[in-house]
Amino acid sequence: MRNIADGRPDFGTYHHTTPRGSEETRNMLRLIFVDAFRKLSFSKNLKIKILDVGCGLGFLSCLCAEFYPNAVITGVDTFKHQSLKGASIDKARANASILGFAGRVRFEKGDVLKSDFRRDSFDLFVSNLVYHNFGRKRFAAYERLASWVPRGSYVVLGDLFFDCGPDINRLSLLFGSVKEMQITGIESAYKLLVLSDPRWTFNASALIGASNTKE
């Protein structure tokens, strides 16, 4: 198994897979996310602020730092979830340091279901393989995410959607624009969504109705 002591980053092994399988998945995710970043309205040289929601060992945070050379990235995670073996904030920091991003990538401990960020704190929000781990609590997590997003910003959200209808319906209540990127070569349940135009005044009755449906 790769070890940070080897002088190379170790982004861990995903749940229900192998180290080699995890590396192959990350290679595919790299292509998918970079393609999405290229289609956003941001110039890659802008000094933007990025939040990586559920950052794990920092793979996506470091990918953002690579693509956006002037960006400052914050990764937040509990660093406790079993979906990524051996996760820790120290390992995430070591990975960023090995890749030369320690000055622009920082990590902090936080629970996505409880964290609060000011609406003007970030320009881009990214997340990968996080929200499906919350079960039905992911719908409340979507609402919390939407409350952080200012106008003119984007969310690039990659996840497993085994029955995507309820998720797309909820996200469409929270964001005026929900676009699914066309991707190939990865598990069929995996989708990459680009969300924008947050609806800050949520339709409470619609959300309550959605919560009462079978999800």
N, C-alpha and C. Protein backbone atom coordinates (compact mmCIF):
# COMPACT_ATOMS: atom_id res chain seq x y z
N MET A 1 0.84 -1.20 0.00
CA MET A 1 0.00 0.00 0.00
C MET A 1 0.87 1.25 0.00
N ARG A 2 0.47 2.25 -0.76
CA ARG A 2 1.23 3.50 -0.80
C ARG A 2 1.23 4.14 0.57
N ASN A 3 2.31 4.80 0.85
CA ASN A 3 2.52 5.38 2.15
C ASN A 3 3.04 6.80 1.97
N ILE A 4 2.59 7.74 2.78
CA ILE A 4 3.05 9.12 2.67
C ILE A 4 4.56 9.19 2.87
N ALA A 5 5.11 8.23 3.62
CA ALA A 5 6.55 8.20 3.83
C ALA A 5 7.31 7.97 2.53
N ASP A 6 6.63 7.46 1.49
CA ASP A 6 7.27 7.27 0.19
C ASP A 6 7.53 8.58 -0.53
N GLY A 7 6.98 9.68 0.01
CA GLY A 7 7.15 10.96 -0.65
C GLY A 7 6.11 11.21 -1.72
N ARG A 8 5.06 10.40 -1.74
CA ARG A 8 3.96 10.58 -2.69
C ARG A 8 2.67 10.74 -1.90
N PRO A 9 1.70 11.48 -2.43
CA PRO A 9 0.43 11.62 -1.70
C PRO A 9 -0.30 10.29 -1.61
N ASP A 10 -1.00 10.11 -0.52
CA ASP A 10 -1.83 8.92 -0.33
C ASP A 10 -3.25 9.39 -0.05
N PHE A 11 -4.11 9.28 -1.07
CA PHE A 11 -5.49 9.75 -0.92
C PHE A 11 -6.44 8.67 -0.44
N GLY A 12 -5.90 7.52 -0.04
CA GLY A 12 -6.71 6.52 0.63
C GLY A 12 -7.42 5.56 -0.29
N THR A 13 -8.14 4.64 0.36
CA THR A 13 -8.89 3.60 -0.35
C THR A 13 -10.37 3.77 -0.07
N TYR A 14 -11.14 3.89 -1.12
CA TYR A 14 -12.58 4.04 -0.96
C TYR A 14 -13.21 2.77 -0.40
N HIS A 15 -14.34 2.95 0.26
CA HIS A 15 -15.10 1.84 0.83
C HIS A 15 -15.48 0.85 -0.28
N HIS A 16 -15.37 -0.44 0.00
CA HIS A 16 -15.75 -1.50 -0.92
C HIS A 16 -14.90 -1.52 -2.20
N THR A 17 -13.65 -1.12 -2.09
CA THR A 17 -12.78 -1.21 -3.26
C THR A 17 -11.35 -1.48 -2.79
N THR A 18 -10.41 -1.50 -3.73
CA THR A 18 -9.01 -1.79 -3.45
C THR A 18 -8.18 -0.53 -3.67
N PRO A 19 -6.93 -0.50 -3.19
CA PRO A 19 -6.08 0.66 -3.48
C PRO A 19 -5.95 0.93 -4.98
N ARG A 20 -5.76 -0.12 -5.76
CA ARG A 20 -5.64 0.08 -7.21
C ARG A 20 -6.95 0.58 -7.80
N GLY A 21 -8.06 -0.01 -7.36
CA GLY A 21 -9.37 0.43 -7.85
C GLY A 21 -9.65 1.88 -7.49
N SER A 22 -9.23 2.29 -6.29
CA SER A 22 -9.42 3.67 -5.86
C SER A 22 -8.61 4.63 -6.71
N GLU A 23 -7.38 4.22 -7.05
CA GLU A 23 -6.53 5.07 -7.88
C GLU A 23 -7.12 5.21 -9.29
N GLU A 24 -7.65 4.13 -9.82
CA GLU A 24 -8.27 4.19 -11.15
C GLU A 24 -9.50 5.09 -11.13
N THR A 25 -10.27 5.00 -10.05
CA THR A 25 -11.45 5.86 -9.90
C THR A 25 -11.03 7.33 -9.85
N ARG A 26 -9.98 7.63 -9.09
CA ARG A 26 -9.53 9.03 -8.99
C ARG A 26 -9.02 9.55 -10.34
N ASN A 27 -8.36 8.70 -11.11
CA ASN A 27 -7.90 9.14 -12.43
C ASN A 27 -9.08 9.54 -13.31
N MET A 28 -10.17 8.78 -13.22
CA MET A 28 -11.36 9.12 -13.99
C MET A 28 -12.03 10.38 -13.44
N LEU A 29 -12.09 10.49 -12.12
CA LEU A 29 -12.70 11.67 -11.51
C LEU A 29 -11.92 12.93 -11.85
N ARG A 30 -10.62 12.83 -11.93
CA ARG A 30 -9.80 13.97 -12.32
C ARG A 30 -10.26 14.53 -13.67
N LEU A 31 -10.43 13.64 -14.64
CA LEU A 31 -10.85 14.06 -15.97
C LEU A 31 -12.24 14.70 -15.94
N ILE A 32 -13.14 14.09 -15.17
CA ILE A 32 -14.53 14.56 -15.10
C ILE A 32 -14.62 15.95 -14.47
N PHE A 33 -13.93 16.14 -13.34
CA PHE A 33 -14.00 17.43 -12.65
C PHE A 33 -13.30 18.52 -13.45
N VAL A 34 -12.15 18.21 -14.03
CA VAL A 34 -11.44 19.22 -14.83
C VAL A 34 -12.31 19.66 -16.00
N ASP A 35 -13.00 18.73 -16.62
CA ASP A 35 -13.90 19.09 -17.72
C ASP A 35 -14.99 20.03 -17.24
N ALA A 36 -15.54 19.76 -16.04
CA ALA A 36 -16.58 20.64 -15.48
C ALA A 36 -16.01 22.01 -15.16
N PHE A 37 -14.81 22.06 -14.58
CA PHE A 37 -14.20 23.35 -14.23
C PHE A 37 -14.01 24.20 -15.49
N ARG A 38 -13.60 23.58 -16.58
CA ARG A 38 -13.34 24.32 -17.82
C ARG A 38 -14.61 24.96 -18.37
N LYS A 39 -15.77 24.43 -18.00
CA LYS A 39 -17.03 24.94 -18.53
C LYS A 39 -17.67 25.99 -17.64
N LEU A 40 -17.06 26.27 -16.50
CA LEU A 40 -17.59 27.33 -15.63
C LEU A 40 -17.16 28.69 -16.16
N SER A 41 -17.82 29.73 -15.68
CA SER A 41 -17.53 31.08 -16.19
C SER A 41 -16.28 31.68 -15.57
N PHE A 42 -15.69 31.03 -14.57
CA PHE A 42 -14.49 31.55 -13.94
C PHE A 42 -13.28 31.38 -14.86
N SER A 43 -12.44 32.39 -14.94
CA SER A 43 -11.11 32.21 -15.51
C SER A 43 -10.29 31.40 -14.52
N LYS A 44 -9.50 30.46 -15.00
CA LYS A 44 -8.74 29.62 -14.09
C LYS A 44 -7.68 30.39 -13.32
N ASN A 45 -7.37 31.61 -13.74
CA ASN A 45 -6.34 32.40 -13.07
C ASN A 45 -6.91 33.36 -12.02
N LEU A 46 -8.23 33.36 -11.85
CA LEU A 46 -8.83 34.22 -10.84
C LEU A 46 -8.43 33.78 -9.43
N LYS A 47 -8.41 34.75 -8.52
CA LYS A 47 -8.11 34.45 -7.12
C LYS A 47 -9.41 34.12 -6.39
N ILE A 48 -9.94 32.93 -6.67
CA ILE A 48 -11.21 32.54 -6.08
C ILE A 48 -10.99 31.74 -4.80
N LYS A 49 -12.07 31.66 -4.01
CA LYS A 49 -12.07 30.87 -2.78
C LYS A 49 -12.98 29.66 -2.99
N ILE A 50 -12.48 28.49 -2.64
CA ILE A 50 -13.17 27.24 -2.91
C ILE A 50 -13.37 26.47 -1.61
N LEU A 51 -14.56 25.90 -1.44
CA LEU A 51 -14.84 25.01 -0.31
C LEU A 51 -15.03 23.60 -0.82
N ASP A 52 -14.24 22.66 -0.30
CA ASP A 52 -14.37 21.24 -0.61
C ASP A 52 -15.15 20.60 0.53
N VAL A 53 -16.38 20.23 0.25
CA VAL A 53 -17.31 19.73 1.27
C VAL A 53 -17.13 18.21 1.41
N GLY A 54 -16.64 17.78 2.56
CA GLY A 54 -16.34 16.38 2.77
C GLY A 54 -15.06 16.00 2.04
N CYS A 55 -13.97 16.66 2.40
CA CYS A 55 -12.75 16.62 1.59
C CYS A 55 -11.95 15.33 1.71
N GLY A 56 -12.22 14.52 2.74
CA GLY A 56 -11.44 13.30 2.90
C GLY A 56 -9.96 13.61 3.04
N LEU A 57 -9.13 12.92 2.27
CA LEU A 57 -7.68 13.12 2.35
C LEU A 57 -7.18 14.16 1.37
N GLY A 58 -8.10 14.94 0.81
CA GLY A 58 -7.70 16.13 0.07
C GLY A 58 -7.50 15.97 -1.43
N PHE A 59 -7.97 14.85 -1.99
CA PHE A 59 -7.79 14.66 -3.44
C PHE A 59 -8.41 15.80 -4.24
N LEU A 60 -9.68 16.11 -3.98
CA LEU A 60 -10.36 17.13 -4.76
C LEU A 60 -9.84 18.52 -4.42
N SER A 61 -9.48 18.76 -3.17
CA SER A 61 -8.89 20.05 -2.79
C SER A 61 -7.62 20.30 -3.58
N CYS A 62 -6.78 19.28 -3.68
CA CYS A 62 -5.51 19.43 -4.40
C CYS A 62 -5.75 19.55 -5.90
N LEU A 63 -6.76 18.87 -6.42
CA LEU A 63 -7.09 19.00 -7.83
C LEU A 63 -7.53 20.44 -8.13
N CYS A 64 -8.31 21.01 -7.24
CA CYS A 64 -8.72 22.41 -7.41
C CYS A 64 -7.51 23.34 -7.39
N ALA A 65 -6.58 23.09 -6.48
CA ALA A 65 -5.39 23.92 -6.39
C ALA A 65 -4.55 23.82 -7.65
N GLU A 66 -4.52 22.64 -8.24
CA GLU A 66 -3.77 22.44 -9.49
C GLU A 66 -4.43 23.18 -10.65
N PHE A 67 -5.76 23.08 -10.75
CA PHE A 67 -6.45 23.69 -11.88
C PHE A 67 -6.54 25.20 -11.74
N TYR A 68 -6.78 25.68 -10.52
CA TYR A 68 -6.89 27.11 -10.26
C TYR A 68 -5.65 27.57 -9.49
N PRO A 69 -4.60 27.99 -10.18
CA PRO A 69 -3.30 28.24 -9.53
C PRO A 69 -3.29 29.40 -8.55
N ASN A 70 -4.30 30.26 -8.58
CA ASN A 70 -4.35 31.39 -7.64
C ASN A 70 -5.45 31.23 -6.60
N ALA A 71 -6.12 30.11 -6.60
CA ALA A 71 -7.24 29.89 -5.67
C ALA A 71 -6.74 29.52 -4.28
N VAL A 72 -7.59 29.81 -3.30
CA VAL A 72 -7.37 29.36 -1.92
C VAL A 72 -8.49 28.37 -1.61
N ILE A 73 -8.11 27.20 -1.14
CA ILE A 73 -9.08 26.11 -0.95
C ILE A 73 -9.16 25.74 0.52
N THR A 74 -10.38 25.56 1.00
CA THR A 74 -10.64 25.05 2.34
C THR A 74 -11.34 23.70 2.22
N GLY A 75 -10.78 22.69 2.85
CA GLY A 75 -11.43 21.38 2.89
C GLY A 75 -11.97 21.12 4.28
N VAL A 76 -13.23 20.70 4.34
CA VAL A 76 -13.86 20.43 5.63
C VAL A 76 -14.35 19.00 5.67
N ASP A 77 -14.13 18.34 6.79
CA ASP A 77 -14.52 16.93 6.94
C ASP A 77 -14.47 16.58 8.43
N THR A 78 -15.21 15.54 8.81
CA THR A 78 -15.08 15.01 10.16
C THR A 78 -13.83 14.15 10.28
N PHE A 79 -13.34 13.64 9.15
CA PHE A 79 -12.19 12.73 9.08
C PHE A 79 -12.43 11.46 9.90
N LYS A 80 -13.70 11.06 9.98
CA LYS A 80 -14.05 9.87 10.76
C LYS A 80 -14.86 8.84 9.99
N HIS A 81 -15.39 9.22 8.83
CA HIS A 81 -16.34 8.34 8.16
C HIS A 81 -15.66 7.11 7.57
N GLN A 82 -16.33 5.96 7.68
CA GLN A 82 -15.74 4.70 7.23
C GLN A 82 -15.66 4.57 5.71
N SER A 83 -16.26 5.52 4.98
CA SER A 83 -16.23 5.44 3.52
C SER A 83 -14.82 5.65 2.95
N LEU A 84 -13.92 6.23 3.74
CA LEU A 84 -12.54 6.40 3.31
C LEU A 84 -11.64 5.93 4.45
N LYS A 85 -10.96 4.82 4.19
CA LYS A 85 -10.17 4.17 5.24
C LYS A 85 -8.97 5.02 5.65
N GLY A 86 -8.77 5.12 6.95
CA GLY A 86 -7.58 5.78 7.48
C GLY A 86 -7.52 7.28 7.30
N ALA A 87 -8.67 7.93 7.16
CA ALA A 87 -8.68 9.38 6.94
C ALA A 87 -8.26 10.11 8.20
N SER A 88 -7.51 11.18 8.03
CA SER A 88 -7.15 12.06 9.14
C SER A 88 -6.77 13.42 8.58
N ILE A 89 -6.94 14.44 9.39
CA ILE A 89 -6.61 15.79 8.94
C ILE A 89 -5.10 15.93 8.72
N ASP A 90 -4.30 15.22 9.51
CA ASP A 90 -2.85 15.30 9.34
C ASP A 90 -2.42 14.70 8.00
N LYS A 91 -3.05 13.61 7.59
CA LYS A 91 -2.74 13.00 6.30
C LYS A 91 -3.15 13.92 5.16
N ALA A 92 -4.29 14.57 5.30
CA ALA A 92 -4.74 15.51 4.27
C ALA A 92 -3.73 16.65 4.13
N ARG A 93 -3.29 17.19 5.24
CA ARG A 93 -2.31 18.27 5.21
C ARG A 93 -0.99 17.80 4.59
N ALA A 94 -0.59 16.57 4.92
CA ALA A 94 0.65 16.04 4.36
C ALA A 94 0.54 15.90 2.85
N ASN A 95 -0.62 15.45 2.36
CA ASN A 95 -0.80 15.32 0.91
C ASN A 95 -0.68 16.66 0.21
N ALA A 96 -1.31 17.68 0.77
CA ALA A 96 -1.22 19.02 0.18
C ALA A 96 0.21 19.53 0.19
N SER A 97 0.93 19.25 1.27
CA SER A 97 2.32 19.68 1.38
C SER A 97 3.20 18.98 0.35
N ILE A 98 3.02 17.68 0.18
CA ILE A 98 3.80 16.92 -0.79
C ILE A 98 3.62 17.47 -2.19
N LEU A 99 2.41 17.90 -2.52
CA LEU A 99 2.12 18.40 -3.86
C LEU A 99 2.43 19.89 -4.01
N GLY A 100 2.91 20.52 -2.94
CA GLY A 100 3.30 21.92 -3.02
C GLY A 100 2.17 22.91 -2.86
N PHE A 101 1.05 22.46 -2.26
CA PHE A 101 -0.12 23.32 -2.13
C PHE A 101 -0.39 23.77 -0.69
N ALA A 102 0.53 23.53 0.20
CA ALA A 102 0.27 23.81 1.62
C ALA A 102 -0.05 25.28 1.86
N GLY A 103 0.48 26.18 1.03
CA GLY A 103 0.22 27.60 1.22
C GLY A 103 -1.16 28.04 0.77
N ARG A 104 -1.83 27.20 -0.02
CA ARG A 104 -3.15 27.59 -0.57
C ARG A 104 -4.27 26.64 -0.19
N VAL A 105 -3.94 25.50 0.38
CA VAL A 105 -4.96 24.52 0.76
C VAL A 105 -4.90 24.32 2.27
N ARG A 106 -6.02 24.54 2.93
CA ARG A 106 -6.10 24.32 4.36
C ARG A 106 -7.27 23.39 4.66
N PHE A 107 -7.16 22.68 5.77
CA PHE A 107 -8.19 21.73 6.16
C PHE A 107 -8.67 22.04 7.57
N GLU A 108 -9.96 21.79 7.78
CA GLU A 108 -10.51 21.97 9.11
C GLU A 108 -11.54 20.88 9.38
N LYS A 109 -11.67 20.56 10.66
CA LYS A 109 -12.65 19.56 11.06
C LYS A 109 -14.02 20.21 11.18
N GLY A 110 -15.02 19.55 10.63
CA GLY A 110 -16.37 20.07 10.70
C GLY A 110 -17.36 19.05 10.17
N ASP A 111 -18.56 19.13 10.65
CA ASP A 111 -19.65 18.24 10.24
C ASP A 111 -20.50 18.98 9.21
N VAL A 112 -20.62 18.42 8.02
CA VAL A 112 -21.39 19.07 6.95
C VAL A 112 -22.82 19.33 7.39
N LEU A 113 -23.35 18.49 8.25
CA LEU A 113 -24.73 18.65 8.70
C LEU A 113 -24.88 19.73 9.77
N LYS A 114 -23.76 20.24 10.28
CA LYS A 114 -23.83 21.24 11.34
C LYS A 114 -23.06 22.51 11.03
N SER A 115 -22.16 22.46 10.06
CA SER A 115 -21.31 23.61 9.77
C SER A 115 -22.13 24.77 9.20
N ASP A 116 -21.64 25.97 9.44
CA ASP A 116 -22.24 27.17 8.86
C ASP A 116 -21.13 28.04 8.28
N PHE A 117 -21.35 28.54 7.08
CA PHE A 117 -20.41 29.44 6.43
C PHE A 117 -21.17 30.65 5.93
N ARG A 118 -20.55 31.81 6.06
CA ARG A 118 -21.18 33.02 5.53
C ARG A 118 -21.37 32.90 4.03
N ARG A 119 -22.45 33.48 3.53
CA ARG A 119 -22.80 33.32 2.13
C ARG A 119 -21.75 33.91 1.19
N ASP A 120 -20.95 34.85 1.65
CA ASP A 120 -19.93 35.45 0.79
C ASP A 120 -18.54 34.87 1.02
N SER A 121 -18.46 33.70 1.68
CA SER A 121 -17.17 33.15 2.05
C SER A 121 -16.45 32.46 0.89
N PHE A 122 -17.22 31.90 -0.07
CA PHE A 122 -16.61 31.10 -1.13
C PHE A 122 -17.26 31.40 -2.48
N ASP A 123 -16.46 31.18 -3.54
CA ASP A 123 -16.92 31.40 -4.91
C ASP A 123 -17.29 30.10 -5.61
N LEU A 124 -16.70 29.00 -5.17
CA LEU A 124 -16.94 27.70 -5.78
C LEU A 124 -16.99 26.65 -4.69
N PHE A 125 -17.95 25.75 -4.82
CA PHE A 125 -18.13 24.66 -3.86
C PHE A 125 -17.98 23.35 -4.62
N VAL A 126 -17.21 22.44 -4.08
CA VAL A 126 -17.02 21.14 -4.73
C VAL A 126 -17.24 20.04 -3.70
N SER A 127 -17.65 18.89 -4.19
CA SER A 127 -17.85 17.74 -3.31
C SER A 127 -17.87 16.48 -4.15
N ASN A 128 -17.31 15.41 -3.60
CA ASN A 128 -17.28 14.15 -4.33
C ASN A 128 -17.53 12.97 -3.40
N LEU A 129 -18.51 12.17 -3.74
CA LEU A 129 -18.82 10.92 -3.02
C LEU A 129 -19.03 11.15 -1.53
N VAL A 130 -19.82 12.17 -1.21
CA VAL A 130 -20.07 12.52 0.18
C VAL A 130 -21.53 12.36 0.56
N TYR A 131 -22.42 13.00 -0.17
CA TYR A 131 -23.81 13.15 0.29
C TYR A 131 -24.58 11.83 0.35
N HIS A 132 -24.27 10.87 -0.50
CA HIS A 132 -25.00 9.60 -0.44
C HIS A 132 -24.75 8.88 0.88
N ASN A 133 -23.64 9.20 1.55
CA ASN A 133 -23.34 8.55 2.84
C ASN A 133 -24.27 9.00 3.95
N PHE A 134 -25.00 10.10 3.75
CA PHE A 134 -25.88 10.63 4.79
C PHE A 134 -27.25 9.99 4.81
N GLY A 135 -27.56 9.11 3.85
CA GLY A 135 -28.91 8.55 3.80
C GLY A 135 -29.93 9.65 3.60
N ARG A 136 -31.04 9.58 4.29
CA ARG A 136 -32.08 10.60 4.12
C ARG A 136 -31.67 11.97 4.66
N LYS A 137 -30.66 11.99 5.52
CA LYS A 137 -30.18 13.28 6.02
C LYS A 137 -29.53 14.12 4.93
N ARG A 138 -29.25 13.49 3.77
CA ARG A 138 -28.62 14.26 2.68
C ARG A 138 -29.52 15.41 2.21
N PHE A 139 -30.84 15.27 2.34
CA PHE A 139 -31.74 16.32 1.89
C PHE A 139 -31.58 17.58 2.74
N ALA A 140 -31.42 17.39 4.05
CA ALA A 140 -31.15 18.52 4.94
C ALA A 140 -29.77 19.09 4.63
N ALA A 141 -28.82 18.23 4.26
CA ALA A 141 -27.47 18.70 3.92
C ALA A 141 -27.49 19.52 2.64
N TYR A 142 -28.34 19.14 1.68
CA TYR A 142 -28.48 19.94 0.46
C TYR A 142 -28.97 21.35 0.80
N GLU A 143 -29.94 21.44 1.71
CA GLU A 143 -30.49 22.74 2.09
C GLU A 143 -29.42 23.60 2.76
N ARG A 144 -28.63 22.98 3.62
CA ARG A 144 -27.56 23.72 4.28
C ARG A 144 -26.54 24.22 3.25
N LEU A 145 -26.19 23.34 2.32
CA LEU A 145 -25.26 23.74 1.25
C LEU A 145 -25.79 24.94 0.48
N ALA A 146 -27.05 24.89 0.09
CA ALA A 146 -27.64 25.99 -0.70
C ALA A 146 -27.59 27.31 0.06
N SER A 147 -27.69 27.25 1.38
CA SER A 147 -27.69 28.48 2.18
C SER A 147 -26.32 29.15 2.20
N TRP A 148 -25.26 28.43 1.83
CA TRP A 148 -23.91 29.00 1.82
C TRP A 148 -23.56 29.65 0.48
N VAL A 149 -24.31 29.36 -0.56
CA VAL A 149 -23.89 29.68 -1.93
C VAL A 149 -24.39 31.06 -2.34
N PRO A 150 -23.49 31.99 -2.67
CA PRO A 150 -23.92 33.31 -3.14
C PRO A 150 -24.25 33.29 -4.63
N ARG A 151 -24.95 34.29 -5.07
CA ARG A 151 -25.24 34.43 -6.49
C ARG A 151 -23.94 34.56 -7.27
N GLY A 152 -23.92 33.97 -8.45
CA GLY A 152 -22.72 34.03 -9.28
C GLY A 152 -21.72 32.94 -8.98
N SER A 153 -22.01 32.11 -7.98
CA SER A 153 -21.13 31.00 -7.62
C SER A 153 -21.68 29.69 -8.18
N TYR A 154 -20.87 28.65 -8.06
CA TYR A 154 -21.26 27.33 -8.56
C TYR A 154 -20.98 26.27 -7.51
N VAL A 155 -21.75 25.18 -7.62
CA VAL A 155 -21.47 23.96 -6.88
C VAL A 155 -21.23 22.87 -7.91
N VAL A 156 -20.09 22.18 -7.80
CA VAL A 156 -19.81 21.03 -8.65
C VAL A 156 -19.86 19.81 -7.75
N LEU A 157 -20.91 19.03 -7.90
CA LEU A 157 -21.24 17.95 -6.97
C LEU A 157 -21.22 16.61 -7.69
N GLY A 158 -20.30 15.75 -7.30
CA GLY A 158 -20.25 14.40 -7.86
C GLY A 158 -20.63 13.39 -6.79
N ASP A 159 -21.54 12.48 -7.14
CA ASP A 159 -21.98 11.51 -6.13
C ASP A 159 -22.68 10.33 -6.78
N LEU A 160 -22.97 9.34 -5.95
CA LEU A 160 -23.76 8.19 -6.38
C LEU A 160 -25.23 8.50 -6.13
N PHE A 161 -26.03 8.42 -7.18
CA PHE A 161 -27.46 8.67 -7.10
C PHE A 161 -28.16 7.39 -7.56
N PHE A 162 -28.50 6.54 -6.61
CA PHE A 162 -29.08 5.24 -6.95
C PHE A 162 -30.52 5.38 -7.43
N ASP A 163 -31.20 6.39 -6.91
CA ASP A 163 -32.54 6.76 -7.39
C ASP A 163 -32.54 8.28 -7.40
N CYS A 164 -32.15 8.85 -8.54
CA CYS A 164 -31.81 10.28 -8.56
C CYS A 164 -33.03 11.19 -8.53
N GLY A 165 -34.23 10.67 -8.80
CA GLY A 165 -35.41 11.53 -8.87
C GLY A 165 -35.62 12.41 -7.66
N PRO A 166 -35.67 11.84 -6.45
CA PRO A 166 -35.88 12.69 -5.27
C PRO A 166 -34.76 13.71 -5.06
N ASP A 167 -33.53 13.33 -5.37
CA ASP A 167 -32.41 14.25 -5.19
C ASP A 167 -32.50 15.42 -6.17
N ILE A 168 -32.77 15.11 -7.42
CA ILE A 168 -32.88 16.17 -8.43
C ILE A 168 -34.05 17.08 -8.10
N ASN A 169 -35.16 16.51 -7.65
CA ASN A 169 -36.32 17.32 -7.28
C ASN A 169 -35.97 18.29 -6.15
N ARG A 170 -35.29 17.77 -5.12
CA ARG A 170 -34.94 18.64 -4.00
C ARG A 170 -33.95 19.71 -4.43
N LEU A 171 -32.93 19.32 -5.17
CA LEU A 171 -31.93 20.29 -5.62
C LEU A 171 -32.55 21.36 -6.53
N SER A 172 -33.55 20.98 -7.30
CA SER A 172 -34.22 21.93 -8.19
C SER A 172 -35.05 22.95 -7.40
N LEU A 173 -35.48 22.58 -6.20
CA LEU A 173 -36.15 23.54 -5.33
C LEU A 173 -35.17 24.53 -4.72
N LEU A 174 -33.92 24.09 -4.57
CA LEU A 174 -32.91 24.89 -3.89
C LEU A 174 -32.05 25.73 -4.84
N PHE A 175 -31.96 25.27 -6.10
CA PHE A 175 -31.13 25.96 -7.08
C PHE A 175 -31.93 26.18 -8.36
N GLY A 176 -31.78 27.36 -8.94
CA GLY A 176 -32.49 27.66 -10.18
C GLY A 176 -31.94 26.90 -11.37
N SER A 177 -30.67 26.49 -11.28
CA SER A 177 -30.04 25.75 -12.38
C SER A 177 -29.41 24.48 -11.83
N VAL A 178 -29.84 23.34 -12.37
CA VAL A 178 -29.27 22.03 -12.01
C VAL A 178 -28.92 21.33 -13.32
N LYS A 179 -27.62 21.27 -13.63
CA LYS A 179 -27.19 20.69 -14.90
C LYS A 179 -26.39 19.42 -14.64
N GLU A 180 -26.73 18.37 -15.37
CA GLU A 180 -25.99 17.12 -15.28
C GLU A 180 -24.96 17.06 -16.39
N MET A 181 -23.70 16.87 -16.03
CA MET A 181 -22.63 16.75 -17.01
C MET A 181 -22.69 15.38 -17.68
N GLN A 182 -22.35 15.34 -18.94
CA GLN A 182 -22.30 14.07 -19.66
C GLN A 182 -20.97 13.39 -19.38
N ILE A 183 -21.01 12.22 -18.75
CA ILE A 183 -19.78 11.52 -18.41
C ILE A 183 -19.88 10.06 -18.82
N THR A 184 -18.74 9.44 -19.03
CA THR A 184 -18.67 8.02 -19.38
C THR A 184 -17.50 7.40 -18.63
N GLY A 185 -17.49 6.08 -18.59
CA GLY A 185 -16.36 5.36 -18.05
C GLY A 185 -16.33 5.22 -16.55
N ILE A 186 -17.44 5.49 -15.89
CA ILE A 186 -17.51 5.37 -14.44
C ILE A 186 -18.86 4.75 -14.08
N GLU A 187 -19.00 4.29 -12.86
CA GLU A 187 -20.22 3.60 -12.43
C GLU A 187 -21.47 4.36 -12.84
N SER A 188 -22.47 3.61 -13.30
CA SER A 188 -23.66 4.23 -13.88
C SER A 188 -24.42 5.09 -12.87
N ALA A 189 -24.34 4.76 -11.59
CA ALA A 189 -25.04 5.55 -10.57
C ALA A 189 -24.35 6.88 -10.29
N TYR A 190 -23.13 7.03 -10.76
CA TYR A 190 -22.38 8.26 -10.49
C TYR A 190 -22.81 9.36 -11.44
N LYS A 191 -23.10 10.53 -10.88
CA LYS A 191 -23.46 11.70 -11.68
C LYS A 191 -22.68 12.90 -11.19
N LEU A 192 -22.38 13.79 -12.14
CA LEU A 192 -21.73 15.05 -11.79
C LEU A 192 -22.70 16.18 -12.13
N LEU A 193 -23.07 16.92 -11.11
CA LEU A 193 -24.03 18.01 -11.26
C LEU A 193 -23.35 19.36 -11.05
N VAL A 194 -23.77 20.33 -11.84
CA VAL A 194 -23.33 21.71 -11.65
C VAL A 194 -24.55 22.52 -11.25
N LEU A 195 -24.50 23.08 -10.06
CA LEU A 195 -25.63 23.80 -9.47
C LEU A 195 -25.30 25.29 -9.39
N SER A 196 -26.28 26.12 -9.68
CA SER A 196 -26.08 27.57 -9.56
C SER A 196 -27.44 28.24 -9.35
N ASP A 197 -27.40 29.56 -9.19
CA ASP A 197 -28.61 30.36 -8.97
C ASP A 197 -29.39 29.88 -7.75
N PRO A 198 -28.78 29.95 -6.56
CA PRO A 198 -29.46 29.47 -5.35
C PRO A 198 -30.73 30.25 -5.06
N ARG A 199 -31.73 29.54 -4.59
CA ARG A 199 -32.99 30.17 -4.19
C ARG A 199 -32.90 30.40 -2.68
N TRP A 200 -32.53 31.60 -2.28
CA TRP A 200 -32.29 31.85 -0.86
C TRP A 200 -33.56 31.82 -0.04
N THR A 201 -34.69 32.26 -0.62
CA THR A 201 -35.96 32.19 0.10
C THR A 201 -36.63 30.90 -0.32
N PHE A 202 -36.36 29.86 0.44
CA PHE A 202 -36.87 28.55 0.08
C PHE A 202 -38.38 28.49 0.26
N ASN A 203 -39.04 27.75 -0.63
CA ASN A 203 -40.47 27.51 -0.55
C ASN A 203 -40.71 26.47 0.53
N ALA A 204 -41.03 26.94 1.74
CA ALA A 204 -41.13 26.04 2.89
C ALA A 204 -42.15 24.93 2.67
N SER A 205 -43.33 25.25 2.12
CA SER A 205 -44.36 24.23 1.94
C SER A 205 -43.91 23.19 0.94
N ALA A 206 -43.18 23.62 -0.11
CA ALA A 206 -42.69 22.66 -1.09
C ALA A 206 -41.67 21.73 -0.49
N LEU A 207 -40.79 22.29 0.38
CA LEU A 207 -39.77 21.46 1.00
C LEU A 207 -40.38 20.47 1.98
N ILE A 208 -41.40 20.92 2.72
CA ILE A 208 -42.06 20.02 3.66
C ILE A 208 -42.75 18.90 2.89
N GLY A 209 -43.39 19.24 1.78
CA GLY A 209 -44.02 18.22 0.96
C GLY A 209 -43.01 17.22 0.42
N ALA A 210 -41.85 17.73 -0.01
CA ALA A 210 -40.81 16.84 -0.53
C ALA A 210 -40.29 15.94 0.58
N SER A 211 -40.19 16.47 1.78
CA SER A 211 -39.68 15.67 2.91
C SER A 211 -40.62 14.54 3.26
N ASN A 212 -41.91 14.73 2.98
CA ASN A 212 -42.89 13.71 3.34
C ASN A 212 -43.06 12.65 2.27
N THR A 213 -42.39 12.82 1.13
CA THR A 213 -42.48 11.81 0.08
C THR A 213 -41.48 10.72 0.37
N LYS A 214 -41.66 9.58 -0.28
CA LYS A 214 -40.75 8.46 -0.08
C LYS A 214 -39.46 8.76 -0.84
N GLU A 215 -38.33 8.80 -0.08
CA GLU A 215 -37.05 9.14 -0.67
C GLU A 215 -36.09 7.96 -0.51
